Amino acid sequence: MITVHTEYQARFREITRITGESFELKQPLVSELAERITQKYGAEMQALLIDPDTQDLNAKGTLYLDSKGNRIFIDDSLEDGETVVFMVGIAGG
């Protein structure tokens, strides 16, 4: 079992109404973290977090980074104590 921390920004923060939280995961996988988050926050989070066509993390205007600043994907592994940042991309010039 590992503990993973989350940091929510923009739309993710609006849905959760908090800046971050911690989850204990049985499997050190992004897929388990995503499942726990969508179970906790419901359909609105599911629509933002998961691409309905691929069941992968939604890459359309959203970004997920690990503690090292690397983009993460649904099949990636997580380390104990890691922080995952959930953010929405902003377009502009």
PDB file of N, CA and C in Angstrom:
ATOM      1  N   MET A   1       0.839  -1.175   0.000  1.00  0.00           N
ATOM      2  CA  MET A   1       0.000   0.000   0.000  1.00  0.00           C
ATOM      3  C   MET A   1       0.888   1.243   0.000  1.00  0.00           C
ATOM      4  N   ILE A   2       0.492   2.240  -0.800  1.00  0.00           N
ATOM      5  CA  ILE A   2       1.241   3.494  -0.858  1.00  0.00           C
ATOM      6  C   ILE A   2       0.302   4.671  -0.613  1.00  0.00           C
ATOM      7  N   THR A   3       0.885   5.798  -0.255  1.00  0.00           N
ATOM      8  CA  THR A   3       0.130   7.031  -0.113  1.00  0.00           C
ATOM      9  C   THR A   3       0.540   7.973  -1.225  1.00  0.00           C
ATOM     10  N   VAL A   4      -0.458   8.494  -1.936  1.00  0.00           N
ATOM     11  CA  VAL A   4      -0.234   9.435  -3.025  1.00  0.00           C
ATOM     12  C   VAL A   4      -1.007  10.708  -2.707  1.00  0.00           C
ATOM     13  N   HIS A   5      -0.383  11.830  -2.966  1.00  0.00           N
ATOM     14  CA  HIS A   5      -1.004  13.123  -2.713  1.00  0.00           C
ATOM     15  C   HIS A   5      -1.461  13.721  -4.034  1.00  0.00           C
ATOM     16  N   THR A   6      -2.526  14.481  -3.988  1.00  0.00           N
ATOM     17  CA  THR A   6      -3.019  15.164  -5.186  1.00  0.00           C
ATOM     18  C   THR A   6      -3.007  16.660  -4.955  1.00  0.00           C
ATOM     19  N   GLU A   7      -2.842  17.370  -6.046  1.00  0.00           N
ATOM     20  CA  GLU A   7      -2.969  18.834  -6.032  1.00  0.00           C
ATOM     21  C   GLU A   7      -3.905  19.186  -7.170  1.00  0.00           C
ATOM     22  N   TYR A   8      -5.006  19.856  -6.838  1.00  0.00           N
ATOM     23  CA  TYR A   8      -6.014  20.193  -7.832  1.00  0.00           C
ATOM     24  C   TYR A   8      -5.921  21.668  -8.202  1.00  0.00           C
ATOM     25  N   GLN A   9      -5.970  21.935  -9.501  1.00  0.00           N
ATOM     26  CA  GLN A   9      -5.962  23.301  -9.979  1.00  0.00           C
ATOM     27  C   GLN A   9      -7.151  23.527 -10.901  1.00  0.00           C
ATOM     28  N   ALA A  10      -7.532  24.782 -11.061  1.00  0.00           N
ATOM     29  CA  ALA A  10      -8.574  25.222 -11.996  1.00  0.00           C
ATOM     30  C   ALA A  10      -9.865  24.410 -11.824  1.00  0.00           C
ATOM     31  N   ARG A  11     -10.345  23.820 -12.883  1.00  0.00           N
ATOM     32  CA  ARG A  11     -11.633  23.103 -12.881  1.00  0.00           C
ATOM     33  C   ARG A  11     -11.634  21.938 -11.889  1.00  0.00           C
ATOM     34  N   PHE A  12     -10.501  21.267 -11.731  1.00  0.00           N
ATOM     35  CA  PHE A  12     -10.427  20.164 -10.763  1.00  0.00           C
ATOM     36  C   PHE A  12     -10.687  20.686  -9.346  1.00  0.00           C
ATOM     37  N   ARG A  13     -10.151  21.852  -9.038  1.00  0.00           N
ATOM     38  CA  ARG A  13     -10.363  22.456  -7.722  1.00  0.00           C
ATOM     39  C   ARG A  13     -11.822  22.872  -7.552  1.00  0.00           C
ATOM     40  N   GLU A  14     -12.446  23.340  -8.620  1.00  0.00           N
ATOM     41  CA  GLU A  14     -13.863  23.712  -8.539  1.00  0.00           C
ATOM     42  C   GLU A  14     -14.731  22.507  -8.211  1.00  0.00           C
ATOM     43  N   ILE A  15     -14.422  21.374  -8.793  1.00  0.00           N
ATOM     44  CA  ILE A  15     -15.212  20.159  -8.552  1.00  0.00           C
ATOM     45  C   ILE A  15     -14.971  19.627  -7.140  1.00  0.00           C
ATOM     46  N   THR A  16     -13.716  19.558  -6.731  1.00  0.00           N
ATOM     47  CA  THR A  16     -13.394  18.963  -5.427  1.00  0.00           C
ATOM     48  C   THR A  16     -13.626  19.923  -4.269  1.00  0.00           C
ATOM     49  N   ARG A  17     -13.529  21.223  -4.555  1.00  0.00           N
ATOM     50  CA  ARG A  17     -13.645  22.288  -3.548  1.00  0.00           C
ATOM     51  C   ARG A  17     -12.527  22.241  -2.508  1.00  0.00           C
ATOM     52  N   ILE A  18     -11.411  21.618  -2.893  1.00  0.00           N
ATOM     53  CA  ILE A  18     -10.209  21.591  -2.053  1.00  0.00           C
ATOM     54  C   ILE A  18      -8.990  21.718  -2.959  1.00  0.00           C
ATOM     55  N   THR A  19      -7.849  22.079  -2.365  1.00  0.00           N
ATOM     56  CA  THR A  19      -6.634  22.242  -3.163  1.00  0.00           C
ATOM     57  C   THR A  19      -5.871  20.940  -3.334  1.00  0.00           C
ATOM     58  N   GLY A  20      -6.129  19.963  -2.482  1.00  0.00           N
ATOM     59  CA  GLY A  20      -5.444  18.685  -2.580  1.00  0.00           C
ATOM     60  C   GLY A  20      -5.871  17.749  -1.480  1.00  0.00           C
ATOM     61  N   GLU A  21      -5.464  16.492  -1.611  1.00  0.00           N
ATOM     62  CA  GLU A  21      -5.774  15.475  -0.618  1.00  0.00           C
ATOM     63  C   GLU A  21      -4.836  14.295  -0.814  1.00  0.00           C
ATOM     64  N   SER A  22      -4.949  13.310   0.066  1.00  0.00           N
ATOM     65  CA  SER A  22      -4.103  12.119  -0.014  1.00  0.00           C
ATOM     66  C   SER A  22      -4.966  10.878  -0.140  1.00  0.00           C
ATOM     67  N   PHE A  23      -4.456   9.904  -0.875  1.00  0.00           N
ATOM     68  CA  PHE A  23      -5.145   8.631  -1.065  1.00  0.00           C
ATOM     69  C   PHE A  23      -4.189   7.496  -0.740  1.00  0.00           C
ATOM     70  N   GLU A  24      -4.675   6.483  -0.047  1.00  0.00           N
ATOM     71  CA  GLU A  24      -3.923   5.254   0.139  1.00  0.00           C
ATOM     72  C   GLU A  24      -4.370   4.285  -0.945  1.00  0.00           C
ATOM     73  N   LEU A  25      -3.403   3.809  -1.716  1.00  0.00           N
ATOM     74  CA  LEU A  25      -3.699   2.927  -2.845  1.00  0.00           C
ATOM     75  C   LEU A  25      -3.142   1.532  -2.593  1.00  0.00           C
ATOM     76  N   LYS A  26      -3.929   0.508  -2.906  1.00  0.00           N
ATOM     77  CA  LYS A  26      -3.440  -0.870  -2.806  1.00  0.00           C
ATOM     78  C   LYS A  26      -2.454  -1.174  -3.924  1.00  0.00           C
ATOM     79  N   GLN A  27      -2.769  -0.682  -5.120  1.00  0.00           N
ATOM     80  CA  GLN A  27      -1.887  -0.841  -6.272  1.00  0.00           C
ATOM     81  C   GLN A  27      -1.286   0.524  -6.597  1.00  0.00           C
ATOM     82  N   PRO A  28       0.012   0.600  -6.832  1.00  0.00           N
ATOM     83  CA  PRO A  28       0.644   1.903  -7.092  1.00  0.00           C
ATOM     84  C   PRO A  28       0.459   2.369  -8.531  1.00  0.00           C
ATOM     85  N   LEU A  29      -0.792   2.464  -8.960  1.00  0.00           N
ATOM     86  CA  LEU A  29      -1.083   2.766 -10.358  1.00  0.00           C
ATOM     87  C   LEU A  29      -1.934   4.024 -10.499  1.00  0.00           C
ATOM     88  N   VAL A  30      -1.689   4.775 -11.553  1.00  0.00           N
ATOM     89  CA  VAL A  30      -2.497   5.951 -11.865  1.00  0.00           C
ATOM     90  C   VAL A  30      -3.957   5.528 -12.059  1.00  0.00           C
ATOM     91  N   SER A  31      -4.176   4.365 -12.647  1.00  0.00           N
ATOM     92  CA  SER A  31      -5.548   3.903 -12.879  1.00  0.00           C
ATOM     93  C   SER A  31      -6.323   3.755 -11.573  1.00  0.00           C
ATOM     94  N   GLU A  32      -5.675   3.279 -10.517  1.00  0.00           N
ATOM     95  CA  GLU A  32      -6.371   3.160  -9.236  1.00  0.00           C
ATOM     96  C   GLU A  32      -6.656   4.539  -8.651  1.00  0.00           C
ATOM     97  N   LEU A  33      -5.695   5.453  -8.761  1.00  0.00           N
ATOM     98  CA  LEU A  33      -5.915   6.814  -8.273  1.00  0.00           C
ATOM     99  C   LEU A  33      -7.082   7.456  -9.021  1.00  0.00           C
ATOM    100  N   ALA A  34      -7.117   7.328 -10.331  1.00  0.00           N
ATOM    101  CA  ALA A  34      -8.198   7.906 -11.133  1.00  0.00           C
ATOM    102  C   ALA A  34      -9.548   7.305 -10.733  1.00  0.00           C
ATOM    103  N   GLU A  35      -9.572   6.008 -10.500  1.00  0.00           N
ATOM    104  CA  GLU A  35     -10.816   5.347 -10.091  1.00  0.00           C
ATOM    105  C   GLU A  35     -11.299   5.870  -8.742  1.00  0.00           C
ATOM    106  N   ARG A  36     -10.386   6.009  -7.798  1.00  0.00           N
ATOM    107  CA  ARG A  36     -10.755   6.516  -6.468  1.00  0.00           C
ATOM    108  C   ARG A  36     -11.285   7.940  -6.550  1.00  0.00           C
ATOM    109  N   ILE A  37     -10.644   8.772  -7.374  1.00  0.00           N
ATOM    110  CA  ILE A  37     -11.078  10.170  -7.505  1.00  0.00           C
ATOM    111  C   ILE A  37     -12.446  10.256  -8.160  1.00  0.00           C
ATOM    112  N   THR A  38     -12.665   9.494  -9.224  1.00  0.00           N
ATOM    113  CA  THR A  38     -13.962   9.550  -9.904  1.00  0.00           C
ATOM    114  C   THR A  38     -15.066   8.964  -9.034  1.00  0.00           C
ATOM    115  N   GLN A  39     -14.768   7.942  -8.248  1.00  0.00           N
ATOM    116  CA  GLN A  39     -15.766   7.403  -7.321  1.00  0.00           C
ATOM    117  C   GLN A  39     -16.155   8.446  -6.279  1.00  0.00           C
ATOM    118  N   LYS A  40     -15.184   9.184  -5.803  1.00  0.00           N
ATOM    119  CA  LYS A  40     -15.425  10.172  -4.754  1.00  0.00           C
ATOM    120  C   LYS A  40     -16.189  11.389  -5.263  1.00  0.00           C
ATOM    121  N   TYR A  41     -15.876  11.855  -6.486  1.00  0.00           N
ATOM    122  CA  TYR A  41     -16.420  13.113  -6.978  1.00  0.00           C
ATOM    123  C   TYR A  41     -17.464  12.976  -8.083  1.00  0.00           C
ATOM    124  N   GLY A  42     -17.740  11.771  -8.548  1.00  0.00           N
ATOM    125  CA  GLY A  42     -18.868  11.544  -9.429  1.00  0.00           C
ATOM    126  C   GLY A  42     -18.689  11.848 -10.904  1.00  0.00           C
ATOM    127  N   ALA A  43     -19.843  11.980 -11.568  1.00  0.00           N
ATOM    128  CA  ALA A  43     -19.905  12.078 -13.025  1.00  0.00           C
ATOM    129  C   ALA A  43     -19.185  13.298 -13.580  1.00  0.00           C
ATOM    130  N   GLU A  44     -19.254  14.413 -12.886  1.00  0.00           N
ATOM    131  CA  GLU A  44     -18.592  15.626 -13.375  1.00  0.00           C
ATOM    132  C   GLU A  44     -17.072  15.429 -13.424  1.00  0.00           C
ATOM    133  N   MET A  45     -16.524  14.788 -12.391  1.00  0.00           N
ATOM    134  CA  MET A  45     -15.086  14.501 -12.379  1.00  0.00           C
ATOM    135  C   MET A  45     -14.753  13.441 -13.426  1.00  0.00           C
ATOM    136  N   GLN A  46     -15.586  12.440 -13.554  1.00  0.00           N
ATOM    137  CA  GLN A  46     -15.381  11.389 -14.559  1.00  0.00           C
ATOM    138  C   GLN A  46     -15.274  12.000 -15.951  1.00  0.00           C
ATOM    139  N   ALA A  47     -16.168  12.927 -16.271  1.00  0.00           N
ATOM    140  CA  ALA A  47     -16.176  13.560 -17.593  1.00  0.00           C
ATOM    141  C   ALA A  47     -14.918  14.390 -17.838  1.00  0.00           C
ATOM    142  N   LEU A  48     -14.391  15.011 -16.808  1.00  0.00           N
ATOM    143  CA  LEU A  48     -13.188  15.830 -16.948  1.00  0.00           C
ATOM    144  C   LEU A  48     -11.922  14.972 -16.977  1.00  0.00           C
ATOM    145  N   LEU A  49     -11.889  13.937 -16.172  1.00  0.00           N
ATOM    146  CA  LEU A  49     -10.676  13.152 -15.957  1.00  0.00           C
ATOM    147  C   LEU A  49     -10.453  12.043 -16.980  1.00  0.00           C
ATOM    148  N   ILE A  50     -11.520  11.380 -17.420  1.00  0.00           N
ATOM    149  CA  ILE A  50     -11.390  10.186 -18.264  1.00  0.00           C
ATOM    150  C   ILE A  50     -11.958  10.425 -19.658  1.00  0.00           C
ATOM    151  N   ASP A  51     -11.185  10.070 -20.677  1.00  0.00           N
ATOM    152  CA  ASP A  51     -11.643  10.140 -22.061  1.00  0.00           C
ATOM    153  C   ASP A  51     -12.613   8.982 -22.295  1.00  0.00           C
ATOM    154  N   PRO A  52     -13.859   9.249 -22.651  1.00  0.00           N
ATOM    155  CA  PRO A  52     -14.839   8.168 -22.806  1.00  0.00           C
ATOM    156  C   PRO A  52     -14.534   7.222 -23.963  1.00  0.00           C
ATOM    157  N   ASP A  53     -13.775   7.669 -24.946  1.00  0.00           N
ATOM    158  CA  ASP A  53     -13.451   6.826 -26.099  1.00  0.00           C
ATOM    159  C   ASP A  53     -12.313   5.856 -25.812  1.00  0.00           C
ATOM    160  N   THR A  54     -11.325   6.301 -25.036  1.00  0.00           N
ATOM    161  CA  THR A  54     -10.135   5.470 -24.806  1.00  0.00           C
ATOM    162  C   THR A  54     -10.037   4.913 -23.388  1.00  0.00           C
ATOM    163  N   GLN A  55     -10.806   5.478 -22.457  1.00  0.00           N
ATOM    164  CA  GLN A  55     -10.736   5.155 -21.031  1.00  0.00           C
ATOM    165  C   GLN A  55      -9.367   5.492 -20.437  1.00  0.00           C
ATOM    166  N   ASP A  56      -8.605   6.322 -21.140  1.00  0.00           N
ATOM    167  CA  ASP A  56      -7.330   6.832 -20.648  1.00  0.00           C
ATOM    168  C   ASP A  56      -7.603   8.174 -19.970  1.00  0.00           C
ATOM    169  N   LEU A  57      -6.579   8.753 -19.363  1.00  0.00           N
ATOM    170  CA  LEU A  57      -6.747  10.097 -18.834  1.00  0.00           C
ATOM    171  C   LEU A  57      -7.056  11.029 -19.987  1.00  0.00           C
ATOM    172  N   ASN A  58      -8.006  11.908 -19.784  1.00  0.00           N
ATOM    173  CA  ASN A  58      -8.423  12.844 -20.816  1.00  0.00           C
ATOM    174  C   ASN A  58      -7.284  13.813 -21.126  1.00  0.00           C
ATOM    175  N   ALA A  59      -6.850  13.854 -22.364  1.00  0.00           N
ATOM    176  CA  ALA A  59      -5.749  14.743 -22.758  1.00  0.00           C
ATOM    177  C   ALA A  59      -6.256  15.984 -23.483  1.00  0.00           C
ATOM    178  N   LYS A  60      -7.568  16.138 -23.558  1.00  0.00           N
ATOM    179  CA  LYS A  60      -8.158  17.267 -24.275  1.00  0.00           C
ATOM    180  C   LYS A  60      -8.293  18.457 -23.330  1.00  0.00           C
ATOM    181  N   GLY A  61      -7.246  19.253 -23.257  1.00  0.00           N
ATOM    182  CA  GLY A  61      -7.271  20.452 -22.434  1.00  0.00           C
ATOM    183  C   GLY A  61      -6.887  20.236 -20.983  1.00  0.00           C
ATOM    184  N   THR A  62      -6.482  19.019 -20.642  1.00  0.00           N
ATOM    185  CA  THR A  62      -6.073  18.731 -19.268  1.00  0.00           C
ATOM    186  C   THR A  62      -4.658  18.165 -19.254  1.00  0.00           C
ATOM    187  N   LEU A  63      -4.018  18.249 -18.095  1.00  0.00           N
ATOM    188  CA  LEU A  63      -2.642  17.799 -17.946  1.00  0.00           C
ATOM    189  C   LEU A  63      -2.461  17.222 -16.555  1.00  0.00           C
ATOM    190  N   TYR A  64      -1.714  16.136 -16.458  1.00  0.00           N
ATOM    191  CA  TYR A  64      -1.460  15.454 -15.194  1.00  0.00           C
ATOM    192  C   TYR A  64       0.041  15.258 -15.067  1.00  0.00           C
ATOM    193  N   LEU A  65       0.616  15.784 -13.994  1.00  0.00           N
ATOM    194  CA  LEU A  65       2.063  15.732 -13.806  1.00  0.00           C
ATOM    195  C   LEU A  65       2.403  15.045 -12.495  1.00  0.00           C
ATOM    196  N   ASP A  66       3.522  14.279 -12.511  1.00  0.00           N
ATOM    197  CA  ASP A  66       4.003  13.660 -11.279  1.00  0.00           C
ATOM    198  C   ASP A  66       4.931  14.632 -10.550  1.00  0.00           C
ATOM    199  N   SER A  67       5.518  14.168  -9.464  1.00  0.00           N
ATOM    200  CA  SER A  67       6.378  15.017  -8.633  1.00  0.00           C
ATOM    201  C   SER A  67       7.606  15.532  -9.368  1.00  0.00           C
ATOM    202  N   LYS A  68       7.994  14.833 -10.439  1.00  0.00           N
ATOM    203  CA  LYS A  68       9.173  15.225 -11.206  1.00  0.00           C
ATOM    204  C   LYS A  68       8.823  16.143 -12.375  1.00  0.00           C
ATOM    205  N   GLY A  69       7.535  16.461 -12.529  1.00  0.00           N
ATOM    206  CA  GLY A  69       7.096  17.308 -13.630  1.00  0.00           C
ATOM    207  C   GLY A  69       6.839  16.555 -14.915  1.00  0.00           C
ATOM    208  N   ASN A  70       6.823  15.223 -14.846  1.00  0.00           N
ATOM    209  CA  ASN A  70       6.569  14.409 -16.026  1.00  0.00           C
ATOM    210  C   ASN A  70       5.080  14.165 -16.202  1.00  0.00           C
ATOM    211  N   ARG A  71       4.629  14.196 -17.443  1.00  0.00           N
ATOM    212  CA  ARG A  71       3.228  13.878 -17.737  1.00  0.00           C
ATOM    213  C   ARG A  71       2.984  12.409 -17.408  1.00  0.00           C
ATOM    214  N   ILE A  72       1.844  12.125 -16.791  1.00  0.00           N
ATOM    215  CA  ILE A  72       1.528  10.741 -16.461  1.00  0.00           C
ATOM    216  C   ILE A  72       0.338  10.256 -17.281  1.00  0.00           C
ATOM    217  N   PHE A  73       0.264   8.930 -17.403  1.00  0.00           N
ATOM    218  CA  PHE A  73      -0.786   8.280 -18.172  1.00  0.00           C
ATOM    219  C   PHE A  73      -1.428   7.197 -17.312  1.00  0.00           C
ATOM    220  N   ILE A  74      -2.580   6.703 -17.727  1.00  0.00           N
ATOM    221  CA  ILE A  74      -3.404   5.804 -16.927  1.00  0.00           C
ATOM    222  C   ILE A  74      -2.667   4.527 -16.493  1.00  0.00           C
ATOM    223  N   ASP A  75      -1.754   4.010 -17.309  1.00  0.00           N
ATOM    224  CA  ASP A  75      -1.057   2.758 -16.986  1.00  0.00           C
ATOM    225  C   ASP A  75       0.248   2.959 -16.223  1.00  0.00           C
ATOM    226  N   ASP A  76       0.593   4.198 -15.903  1.00  0.00           N
ATOM    227  CA  ASP A  76       1.846   4.479 -15.192  1.00  0.00           C
ATOM    228  C   ASP A  76       1.774   4.060 -13.730  1.00  0.00           C
ATOM    229  N   SER A  77       2.941   3.786 -13.178  1.00  0.00           N
ATOM    230  CA  SER A  77       3.070   3.467 -11.754  1.00  0.00           C
ATOM    231  C   SER A  77       3.372   4.729 -10.972  1.00  0.00           C
ATOM    232  N   LEU A  78       3.010   4.706  -9.706  1.00  0.00           N
ATOM    233  CA  LEU A  78       3.265   5.822  -8.798  1.00  0.00           C
ATOM    234  C   LEU A  78       4.147   5.354  -7.665  1.00  0.00           C
ATOM    235  N   GLU A  79       4.878   6.286  -7.073  1.00  0.00           N
ATOM    236  CA  GLU A  79       5.746   5.978  -5.947  1.00  0.00           C
ATOM    237  C   GLU A  79       5.106   6.455  -4.655  1.00  0.00           C
ATOM    238  N   ASP A  80       5.452   5.801  -3.555  1.00  0.00           N
ATOM    239  CA  ASP A  80       4.949   6.214  -2.254  1.00  0.00           C
ATOM    240  C   ASP A  80       5.361   7.652  -1.973  1.00  0.00           C
ATOM    241  N   GLY A  81       4.407   8.468  -1.543  1.00  0.00           N
ATOM    242  CA  GLY A  81       4.679   9.858  -1.211  1.00  0.00           C
ATOM    243  C   GLY A  81       4.623  10.813  -2.388  1.00  0.00           C
ATOM    244  N   GLU A  82       4.379  10.292  -3.582  1.00  0.00           N
ATOM    245  CA  GLU A  82       4.356  11.127  -4.784  1.00  0.00           C
ATOM    246  C   GLU A  82       3.153  12.075  -4.782  1.00  0.00           C
ATOM    247  N   THR A  83       3.327  13.233  -5.417  1.00  0.00           N
ATOM    248  CA  THR A  83       2.240  14.193  -5.605  1.00  0.00           C
ATOM    249  C   THR A  83       1.908  14.252  -7.089  1.00  0.00           C
ATOM    250  N   VAL A  84       0.619  14.130  -7.391  1.00  0.00           N
ATOM    251  CA  VAL A  84       0.142  14.236  -8.767  1.00  0.00           C
ATOM    252  C   VAL A  84      -0.663  15.527  -8.870  1.00  0.00           C
ATOM    253  N   VAL A  85      -0.301  16.343  -9.859  1.00  0.00           N
ATOM    254  CA  VAL A  85      -0.974  17.621 -10.070  1.00  0.00           C
ATOM    255  C   VAL A  85      -1.965  17.460 -11.220  1.00  0.00           C
ATOM    256  N   PHE A  86      -3.204  17.874 -10.972  1.00  0.00           N
ATOM    257  CA  PHE A  86      -4.273  17.830 -11.966  1.00  0.00           C
ATOM    258  C   PHE A  86      -4.544  19.260 -12.402  1.00  0.00           C
ATOM    259  N   MET A  87      -4.316  19.552 -13.693  1.00  0.00           N
ATOM    260  CA  MET A  87      -4.474  20.919 -14.168  1.00  0.00           C
ATOM    261  C   MET A  87      -5.195  20.964 -15.512  1.00  0.00           C
ATOM    262  N   VAL A  88      -5.724  22.135 -15.814  1.00  0.00           N
ATOM    263  CA  VAL A  88      -6.393  22.377 -17.084  1.00  0.00           C
ATOM    264  C   VAL A  88      -5.532  23.340 -17.872  1.00  0.00           C
ATOM    265  N   GLY A  89      -5.276  22.988 -19.132  1.00  0.00           N
ATOM    266  CA  GLY A  89      -4.454  23.838 -19.981  1.00  0.00           C
ATOM    267  C   GLY A  89      -5.164  25.137 -20.330  1.00  0.00           C
ATOM    268  N   ILE A  90      -4.383  26.154 -20.517  1.00  0.00           N
ATOM    269  CA  ILE A  90      -4.918  27.462 -20.889  1.00  0.00           C
ATOM    270  C   ILE A  90      -4.307  27.860 -22.222  1.00  0.00           C
ATOM    271  N   ALA A  91      -5.151  28.164 -23.174  1.00  0.00           N
ATOM    272  CA  ALA A  91      -4.669  28.583 -24.487  1.00  0.00           C
ATOM    273  C   ALA A  91      -4.486  30.092 -24.501  1.00  0.00           C
ATOM    274  N   GLY A  92      -3.580  30.510 -25.310  1.00  0.00           N
ATOM    275  CA  GLY A  92      -3.373  31.943 -25.418  1.00  0.00           C
ATOM    276  C   GLY A  92      -2.162  32.256 -26.264  1.00  0.00           C
ATOM    277  N   GLY A  93      -1.905  33.507 -26.442  1.00  0.00           N
ATOM    278  CA  GLY A  93      -0.800  33.884 -27.298  1.00  0.00           C
ATOM    279  C   GLY A  93       0.217  34.720 -26.598  1.00  0.00           C
TER     280      GLY A  93
END
